Amino acid sequence: MKYESGFNRMEVASSYTLHMVNSASSPYRAGNRAWQIQGDS
């Protein structure tokens, strides 16, 4: 049981980290795209 709960906790932590990385990188991507559009015009 202890190993199972530890594995579940690890899974939750990794999916949370993935979510944080995705939400951190999407504003960066949007800003990068806006910067590229500004550079083109």
PDB file of N, CA and C in Angstrom:
ATOM      1  N   MET A   1       0.837  -1.207   0.000  1.00  0.00           N
ATOM      2  CA  MET A   1       0.000   0.000   0.000  1.00  0.00           C
ATOM      3  C   MET A   1       0.875   1.262   0.000  1.00  0.00           C
ATOM      4  N   LYS A   2       1.923   1.217   0.793  1.00  0.00           N
ATOM      5  CA  LYS A   2       2.784   2.403   0.865  1.00  0.00           C
ATOM      6  C   LYS A   2       3.400   2.707  -0.505  1.00  0.00           C
ATOM      7  N   TYR A   3       3.869   1.648  -1.178  1.00  0.00           N
ATOM      8  CA  TYR A   3       4.490   1.836  -2.501  1.00  0.00           C
ATOM      9  C   TYR A   3       3.458   2.377  -3.491  1.00  0.00           C
ATOM     10  N   GLU A   4       2.225   1.870  -3.396  1.00  0.00           N
ATOM     11  CA  GLU A   4       1.177   2.289  -4.322  1.00  0.00           C
ATOM     12  C   GLU A   4       0.862   3.777  -4.134  1.00  0.00           C
ATOM     13  N   SER A   5       0.737   4.213  -2.893  1.00  0.00           N
ATOM     14  CA  SER A   5       0.420   5.618  -2.652  1.00  0.00           C
ATOM     15  C   SER A   5       1.584   6.506  -3.081  1.00  0.00           C
ATOM     16  N   GLY A   6       2.811   6.019  -2.891  1.00  0.00           N
ATOM     17  CA  GLY A   6       3.974   6.780  -3.335  1.00  0.00           C
ATOM     18  C   GLY A   6       3.995   6.918  -4.846  1.00  0.00           C
ATOM     19  N   PHE A   7       3.623   5.845  -5.540  1.00  0.00           N
ATOM     20  CA  PHE A   7       3.591   5.883  -7.000  1.00  0.00           C
ATOM     21  C   PHE A   7       2.519   6.859  -7.470  1.00  0.00           C
ATOM     22  N   ASN A   8       1.353   6.832  -6.812  1.00  0.00           N
ATOM     23  CA  ASN A   8       0.278   7.743  -7.189  1.00  0.00           C
ATOM     24  C   ASN A   8       0.705   9.196  -6.955  1.00  0.00           C
ATOM     25  N   ARG A   9       1.395   9.425  -5.857  1.00  0.00           N
ATOM     26  CA  ARG A   9       1.857  10.774  -5.544  1.00  0.00           C
ATOM     27  C   ARG A   9       2.852  11.242  -6.618  1.00  0.00           C
ATOM     28  N   MET A  10       3.724  10.312  -7.035  1.00  0.00           N
ATOM     29  CA  MET A  10       4.691  10.642  -8.085  1.00  0.00           C
ATOM     30  C   MET A  10       3.976  10.996  -9.385  1.00  0.00           C
ATOM     31  N   GLU A  11       2.941  10.229  -9.717  1.00  0.00           N
ATOM     32  CA  GLU A  11       2.189  10.473 -10.947  1.00  0.00           C
ATOM     33  C   GLU A  11       1.516  11.848 -10.898  1.00  0.00           C
ATOM     34  N   VAL A  12       0.923  12.173  -9.763  1.00  0.00           N
ATOM     35  CA  VAL A  12       0.264  13.473  -9.601  1.00  0.00           C
ATOM     36  C   VAL A  12       1.295  14.594  -9.715  1.00  0.00           C
ATOM     37  N   ALA A  13       2.453  14.397  -9.086  1.00  0.00           N
ATOM     38  CA  ALA A  13       3.497  15.424  -9.120  1.00  0.00           C
ATOM     39  C   ALA A  13       4.001  15.638 -10.537  1.00  0.00           C
ATOM     40  N   SER A  14       4.175  14.543 -11.289  1.00  0.00           N
ATOM     41  CA  SER A  14       4.709  14.689 -12.652  1.00  0.00           C
ATOM     42  C   SER A  14       3.678  15.349 -13.568  1.00  0.00           C
ATOM     43  N   SER A  15       2.407  15.014 -13.411  1.00  0.00           N
ATOM     44  CA  SER A  15       1.385  15.640 -14.252  1.00  0.00           C
ATOM     45  C   SER A  15       1.227  17.114 -13.868  1.00  0.00           C
ATOM     46  N   TYR A  16       1.378  17.436 -12.581  1.00  0.00           N
ATOM     47  CA  TYR A  16       1.320  18.827 -12.132  1.00  0.00           C
ATOM     48  C   TYR A  16       2.501  19.609 -12.707  1.00  0.00           C
ATOM     49  N   THR A  17       3.686  18.996 -12.685  1.00  0.00           N
ATOM     50  CA  THR A  17       4.877  19.643 -13.252  1.00  0.00           C
ATOM     51  C   THR A  17       4.682  19.879 -14.742  1.00  0.00           C
ATOM     52  N   LEU A  18       4.130  18.882 -15.434  1.00  0.00           N
ATOM     53  CA  LEU A  18       3.873  19.009 -16.862  1.00  0.00           C
ATOM     54  C   LEU A  18       2.905  20.160 -17.122  1.00  0.00           C
ATOM     55  N   HIS A  19       1.869  20.271 -16.287  1.00  0.00           N
ATOM     56  CA  HIS A  19       0.887  21.344 -16.427  1.00  0.00           C
ATOM     57  C   HIS A  19       1.555  22.699 -16.217  1.00  0.00           C
ATOM     58  N   MET A  20       2.430  22.791 -15.192  1.00  0.00           N
ATOM     59  CA  MET A  20       3.121  24.049 -14.902  1.00  0.00           C
ATOM     60  C   MET A  20       4.026  24.429 -16.077  1.00  0.00           C
ATOM     61  N   VAL A  21       4.732  23.447 -16.630  1.00  0.00           N
ATOM     62  CA  VAL A  21       5.629  23.716 -17.760  1.00  0.00           C
ATOM     63  C   VAL A  21       4.823  24.189 -18.963  1.00  0.00           C
ATOM     64  N   ASN A  22       3.683  23.549 -19.213  1.00  0.00           N
ATOM     65  CA  ASN A  22       2.849  23.926 -20.359  1.00  0.00           C
ATOM     66  C   ASN A  22       2.293  25.333 -20.188  1.00  0.00           C
ATOM     67  N   SER A  23       1.792  25.662 -19.008  1.00  0.00           N
ATOM     68  CA  SER A  23       1.208  26.985 -18.820  1.00  0.00           C
ATOM     69  C   SER A  23       2.305  28.052 -18.747  1.00  0.00           C
ATOM     70  N   ALA A  24       3.520  27.657 -18.364  1.00  0.00           N
ATOM     71  CA  ALA A  24       4.624  28.623 -18.349  1.00  0.00           C
ATOM     72  C   ALA A  24       5.134  28.875 -19.760  1.00  0.00           C
ATOM     73  N   SER A  25       5.092  27.844 -20.611  1.00  0.00           N
ATOM     74  CA  SER A  25       5.658  27.987 -21.951  1.00  0.00           C
ATOM     75  C   SER A  25       4.668  28.603 -22.936  1.00  0.00           C
ATOM     76  N   SER A  26       3.357  28.513 -22.685  1.00  0.00           N
ATOM     77  CA  SER A  26       2.423  29.069 -23.657  1.00  0.00           C
ATOM     78  C   SER A  26       2.450  30.613 -23.709  1.00  0.00           C
ATOM     79  N   PRO A  27       2.538  31.342 -22.595  1.00  0.00           N
ATOM     80  CA  PRO A  27       2.694  32.805 -22.707  1.00  0.00           C
ATOM     81  C   PRO A  27       4.023  33.168 -23.382  1.00  0.00           C
ATOM     82  N   TYR A  28       5.053  32.360 -23.116  1.00  0.00           N
ATOM     83  CA  TYR A  28       6.356  32.602 -23.752  1.00  0.00           C
ATOM     84  C   TYR A  28       6.242  32.433 -25.262  1.00  0.00           C
ATOM     85  N   ARG A  29       5.536  31.389 -25.684  1.00  0.00           N
ATOM     86  CA  ARG A  29       5.351  31.154 -27.118  1.00  0.00           C
ATOM     87  C   ARG A  29       4.534  32.286 -27.742  1.00  0.00           C
ATOM     88  N   ALA A  30       3.492  32.719 -27.053  1.00  0.00           N
ATOM     89  CA  ALA A  30       2.650  33.797 -27.569  1.00  0.00           C
ATOM     90  C   ALA A  30       3.469  35.085 -27.680  1.00  0.00           C
ATOM     91  N   GLY A  31       4.285  35.365 -26.670  1.00  0.00           N
ATOM     92  CA  GLY A  31       5.138  36.550 -26.696  1.00  0.00           C
ATOM     93  C   GLY A  31       6.161  36.458 -27.806  1.00  0.00           C
ATOM     94  N   ASN A  32       6.718  35.281 -28.007  1.00  0.00           N
ATOM     95  CA  ASN A  32       7.703  35.075 -29.072  1.00  0.00           C
ATOM     96  C   ASN A  32       7.065  35.303 -30.432  1.00  0.00           C
ATOM     97  N   ARG A  33       5.821  34.818 -30.593  1.00  0.00           N
ATOM     98  CA  ARG A  33       5.109  34.985 -31.854  1.00  0.00           C
ATOM     99  C   ARG A  33       4.826  36.472 -32.104  1.00  0.00           C
ATOM    100  N   ALA A  34       4.404  37.179 -31.058  1.00  0.00           N
ATOM    101  CA  ALA A  34       4.124  38.606 -31.180  1.00  0.00           C
ATOM    102  C   ALA A  34       5.401  39.364 -31.544  1.00  0.00           C
ATOM    103  N   TRP A  35       6.517  38.955 -30.962  1.00  0.00           N
ATOM    104  CA  TRP A  35       7.802  39.605 -31.258  1.00  0.00           C
ATOM    105  C   TRP A  35       8.197  39.358 -32.722  1.00  0.00           C
ATOM    106  N   GLN A  36       7.955  38.143 -33.210  1.00  0.00           N
ATOM    107  CA  GLN A  36       8.268  37.827 -34.604  1.00  0.00           C
ATOM    108  C   GLN A  36       7.403  38.655 -35.563  1.00  0.00           C
ATOM    109  N   ILE A  37       6.111  38.831 -35.207  1.00  0.00           N
ATOM    110  CA  ILE A  37       5.200  39.621 -36.048  1.00  0.00           C
ATOM    111  C   ILE A  37       5.664  41.077 -36.066  1.00  0.00           C
ATOM    112  N   GLN A  38       6.080  41.591 -34.912  1.00  0.00           N
ATOM    113  CA  GLN A  38       6.577  42.969 -34.835  1.00  0.00           C
ATOM    114  C   GLN A  38       7.833  43.125 -35.696  1.00  0.00           C
ATOM    115  N   GLY A  39       8.689  42.140 -35.649  1.00  0.00           N
ATOM    116  CA  GLY A  39       9.928  42.198 -36.420  1.00  0.00           C
ATOM    117  C   GLY A  39       9.667  42.170 -37.920  1.00  0.00           C
ATOM    118  N   ASP A  40       8.608  41.468 -38.333  1.00  0.00           N
ATOM    119  CA  ASP A  40       8.306  41.365 -39.762  1.00  0.00           C
ATOM    120  C   ASP A  40       7.766  42.684 -40.318  1.00  0.00           C
ATOM    121  N   SER A  41       6.952  43.390 -39.533  1.00  0.00           N
ATOM    122  CA  SER A  41       6.296  44.584 -40.041  1.00  0.00           C
ATOM    123  C   SER A  41       7.190  45.828 -39.991  1.00  0.00           C
TER     124      SER A  41
END
